C-alpha atoms as a PDB file:
ATOM      1  CA  ASP A   1       0.085  -0.063  -0.126  1.00  0.00           C
ATOM      2  CA  ALA A   2       2.840   2.216   0.455  1.00  0.00           C
ATOM      3  CA  PHE A   3       4.403   2.070  -2.841  1.00  0.00           C
ATOM      4  CA  ILE A   4       0.969   2.996  -4.441  1.00  0.00           C
ATOM      5  CA  LEU A   5       0.566   5.944  -2.019  1.00  0.00           C
ATOM      6  CA  LYS A   6       3.747   7.122  -2.803  1.00  0.00           C
ATOM      7  CA  TYR A   7       4.498   6.690  -6.494  1.00  0.00           C
ATOM      8  CA  ILE A   8       0.811   5.858  -7.991  1.00  0.00           C
ATOM      9  CA  ASP A   9      -1.641   8.735  -9.296  1.00  0.00           C
ATOM     10  CA  THR A  10      -4.176   6.917 -11.161  1.00  0.00           C
ATOM     11  CA  VAL A  11      -4.996   3.229 -11.905  1.00  0.00           C
ATOM     12  CA  SER A  12      -3.732   4.064 -15.409  1.00  0.00           C
ATOM     13  CA  HIS A  13      -0.648   5.141 -14.073  1.00  0.00           C
ATOM     14  CA  LEU A  14      -0.716   1.583 -12.353  1.00  0.00           C
ATOM     15  CA  GLU A  15      -1.490  -0.282 -15.680  1.00  0.00           C
ATOM     16  CA  ALA A  16       1.141   1.389 -17.755  1.00  0.00           C
ATOM     17  CA  LEU A  17       3.975   0.518 -14.810  1.00  0.00           C
ATOM     18  CA  LEU A  18       2.536  -3.044 -15.336  1.00  0.00           C
ATOM     19  CA  LEU A  19       2.502  -3.122 -18.872  1.00  0.00           C
ATOM     20  CA  LEU A  20       6.334  -2.294 -19.046  1.00  0.00           C
ATOM     21  CA  TRP A  21       7.200  -4.312 -16.011  1.00  0.00           C
ATOM     22  CA  ASN A  22       5.240  -7.143 -17.602  1.00  0.00           C
ATOM     23  CA  SER A  23       6.829  -7.176 -20.905  1.00  0.00           C
ATOM     24  CA  ARG A  24      10.267  -6.172 -20.384  1.00  0.00           C
ATOM     25  CA  PRO A  25      12.401  -5.810 -22.006  1.00  0.00           C
ATOM     26  CA  LYS A  26      10.224  -4.458 -24.666  1.00  0.00           C
ATOM     27  CA  VAL A  27      10.336  -0.869 -25.868  1.00  0.00           C
ATOM     28  CA  TRP A  28       6.479   0.456 -26.231  1.00  0.00           C
ATOM     29  CA  HIS A  29       5.829   3.893 -28.501  1.00  0.00           C
ATOM     30  CA  LEU A  30       3.048   5.834 -26.959  1.00  0.00           C
ATOM     31  CA  GLU A  31       0.464   4.935 -29.053  1.00  0.00           C
ATOM     32  CA  GLU A  32       0.725   1.420 -28.526  1.00  0.00           C
ATOM     33  CA  MET A  33       0.787   1.651 -24.998  1.00  0.00           C
ATOM     34  CA  GLY A  34      -2.099   4.011 -25.119  1.00  0.00           C
ATOM     35  CA  ARG A  35      -4.387   1.324 -26.921  1.00  0.00           C
ATOM     36  CA  ARG A  36      -3.289  -0.974 -24.423  1.00  0.00           C
ATOM     37  CA  ILE A  37      -4.563   1.120 -21.555  1.00  0.00           C
ATOM     38  CA  PHE A  38      -7.096   2.926 -23.276  1.00  0.00           C
ATOM     39  CA  LEU A  39      -6.238   6.542 -23.523  1.00  0.00           C
ATOM     40  CA  SER A  40      -5.298   8.936 -25.689  1.00  0.00           C
ATOM     41  CA  ASN A  41      -1.749   9.667 -26.922  1.00  0.00           C
ATOM     42  CA  ASP A  42      -1.696  12.730 -24.737  1.00  0.00           C
ATOM     43  CA  ALA A  43      -3.096  11.387 -21.409  1.00  0.00           C
ATOM     44  CA  THR A  44       0.011   8.508 -22.456  1.00  0.00           C
ATOM     45  CA  ARG A  45       2.462  10.742 -22.549  1.00  0.00           C
ATOM     46  CA  ARG A  46       2.086  12.390 -19.543  1.00  0.00           C
ATOM     47  CA  ILE A  47       1.554   9.061 -17.780  1.00  0.00           C
ATOM     48  CA  LEU A  48       4.783   8.001 -19.023  1.00  0.00           C
ATOM     49  CA  GLN A  49       6.757  11.055 -18.557  1.00  0.00           C
ATOM     50  CA  ASP A  50       5.486  11.014 -15.370  1.00  0.00           C
ATOM     51  CA  LEU A  51       6.734   7.361 -14.625  1.00  0.00           C
ATOM     52  CA  VAL A  52       9.989   8.217 -16.310  1.00  0.00           C
ATOM     53  CA  ARG A  53      10.419  11.574 -13.776  1.00  0.00           C
ATOM     54  CA  ILE A  54       9.674   8.851 -10.448  1.00  0.00           C
ATOM     55  CA  GLY A  55      12.421   6.306 -12.280  1.00  0.00           C
ATOM     56  CA  PHE A  56      10.047   3.740 -13.565  1.00  0.00           C
ATOM     57  CA  ALA A  57      10.473   4.057 -16.857  1.00  0.00           C
ATOM     58  CA  ALA A  58      12.755   5.524 -19.270  1.00  0.00           C
ATOM     59  CA  ALA A  59      12.887   7.092 -22.755  1.00  0.00           C
ATOM     60  CA  ALA A  60      14.385   5.170 -25.734  1.00  0.00           C
ATOM     61  CA  PRO A  61      17.462   7.393 -26.649  1.00  0.00           C
ATOM     62  CA  ASP A  62      17.033   6.296 -30.097  1.00  0.00           C
ATOM     63  CA  ALA A  63      13.254   6.525 -30.706  1.00  0.00           C
ATOM     64  CA  PRO A  64      11.237   9.712 -30.130  1.00  0.00           C
ATOM     65  CA  ASP A  65       8.230   8.763 -28.070  1.00  0.00           C
ATOM     66  CA  CYS A  66       9.063   5.359 -26.843  1.00  0.00           C
ATOM     67  CA  PHE A  67       9.408   3.939 -23.616  1.00  0.00           C
ATOM     68  CA  THR A  68      10.797   0.971 -21.397  1.00  0.00           C
ATOM     69  CA  LEU A  69      10.881  -0.132 -18.023  1.00  0.00           C
ATOM     70  CA  ASP A  70      13.764   1.479 -16.244  1.00  0.00           C
ATOM     71  CA  LYS A  71      16.530  -0.773 -15.539  1.00  0.00           C
ATOM     72  CA  ALA A  72      18.640   1.512 -14.164  1.00  0.00           C
ATOM     73  CA  THR A  73      16.829   0.988 -10.578  1.00  0.00           C
ATOM     74  CA  PRO A  74      16.867  -2.713  -9.893  1.00  0.00           C
ATOM     75  CA  GLU A  75      16.309  -2.265  -6.242  1.00  0.00           C
ATOM     76  CA  ARG A  76      12.794  -1.640  -7.181  1.00  0.00           C
ATOM     77  CA  PHE A  77      12.108  -4.782  -8.914  1.00  0.00           C
ATOM     78  CA  PRO A  78      10.913  -7.151  -5.806  1.00  0.00           C
ATOM     79  CA  MET A  79       8.605  -4.456  -5.229  1.00  0.00           C
ATOM     80  CA  ILE A  80       7.155  -3.767  -8.642  1.00  0.00           C
ATOM     81  CA  GLU A  81       6.431  -7.474  -8.686  1.00  0.00           C
ATOM     82  CA  ALA A  82       4.661  -7.798  -5.128  1.00  0.00           C
ATOM     83  CA  VAL A  83       2.858  -4.904  -6.281  1.00  0.00           C
ATOM     84  CA  ASP A  84       1.931  -7.209  -9.806  1.00  0.00           C
ATOM     85  CA  ASP A  85       0.951 -10.120  -8.050  1.00  0.00           C
ATOM     86  CA  VAL A  86      -1.260  -7.924  -5.559  1.00  0.00           C
ATOM     87  CA  TYR A  87      -2.975  -6.101  -7.895  1.00  0.00           C
ATOM     88  CA  ARG A  88      -3.755  -9.234 -10.065  1.00  0.00           C
ATOM     89  CA  ARG A  89      -5.481 -10.730  -6.754  1.00  0.00           C
ATOM     90  CA  GLU A  90      -6.857  -7.526  -4.944  1.00  0.00           C
ATOM     91  CA  LEU A  91      -7.707  -5.438  -8.235  1.00  0.00           C
ATOM     92  CA  VAL A  92     -11.058  -3.503  -6.428  1.00  0.00           C
ATOM     93  CA  ARG A  93      -8.742  -3.068  -2.829  1.00  0.00           C
ATOM     94  CA  ILE A  94      -5.627  -1.575  -4.995  1.00  0.00           C
ATOM     95  CA  THR A  95      -8.066   0.630  -7.520  1.00  0.00           C
ATOM     96  CA  MET A  96      -9.790   1.772  -4.183  1.00  0.00           C
ATOM     97  CA  LEU A  97      -7.531   2.930  -2.433  1.00  0.00           C
ATOM     98  CA  ILE A  98      -5.700   4.840  -5.369  1.00  0.00           C
ATOM     99  CA  HIS A  99      -9.338   6.705  -6.079  1.00  0.00           C
ATOM    100  CA  ALA A 100      -8.987   7.281  -2.325  1.00  0.00           C
ATOM    101  CA  LYS A 101      -5.735   9.127  -3.093  1.00  0.00           C
ATOM    102  CA  THR A 102      -5.950  12.982  -3.160  1.00  0.00           C
ATOM    103  CA  PRO A 103      -7.384  14.045  -6.841  1.00  0.00           C
ATOM    104  CA  SER A 104      -4.702  14.103  -9.574  1.00  0.00           C
ATOM    105  CA  SER A 105      -5.454  17.696 -10.711  1.00  0.00           C
ATOM    106  CA  VAL A 106      -4.316  18.551  -6.956  1.00  0.00           C
ATOM    107  CA  LEU A 107      -1.139  16.287  -7.410  1.00  0.00           C
ATOM    108  CA  ALA A 108      -0.731  17.887 -10.779  1.00  0.00           C
ATOM    109  CA  PHE A 109      -0.397  21.511  -9.202  1.00  0.00           C
ATOM    110  CA  ALA A 110       1.574  20.749  -5.980  1.00  0.00           C
ATOM    111  CA  ARG A 111       4.304  18.758  -8.723  1.00  0.00           C
ATOM    112  CA  ALA A 112       4.500  22.003 -10.774  1.00  0.00           C
ATOM    113  CA  PHE A 113       6.303  23.513  -7.264  1.00  0.00           C
ATOM    114  CA  ARG A 114       8.305  20.538  -6.902  1.00  0.00           C
ATOM    115  CA  PHE A 115      12.416  21.177  -7.289  1.00  0.00           C
ATOM    116  CA  THR A 116      14.356  18.525  -9.137  1.00  0.00           C
ATOM    117  CA  LYS A 117      18.053  18.153 -10.349  1.00  0.00           C
ATOM    118  CA  ASP A 118      17.146  18.775 -14.192  1.00  0.00           C
END
């Protein structure tokens, strides 16, 4: 639950992360990912950029609008695997946990004021 509360803003974020996880080392074009998670290209781009920002996805350096699981943080892999397992068994509970969080519009506004090393 702590992982979800800390890193996952929406069910779509979780679905995108788990799709990257379960298909690794596949590189996904954002259009293909959007079709799989039923989102527009713009919404999918924002989600993938969020996952890049928090270190779960990586943009493919040689292919625009393509993303893959970030291999630079293997210490997170056991947690992603555990979340994948729990999500399969407790879909309703996990989605309710995500929906009970602060609305994503409020989170997006707050994120605008975060300082990053970039």
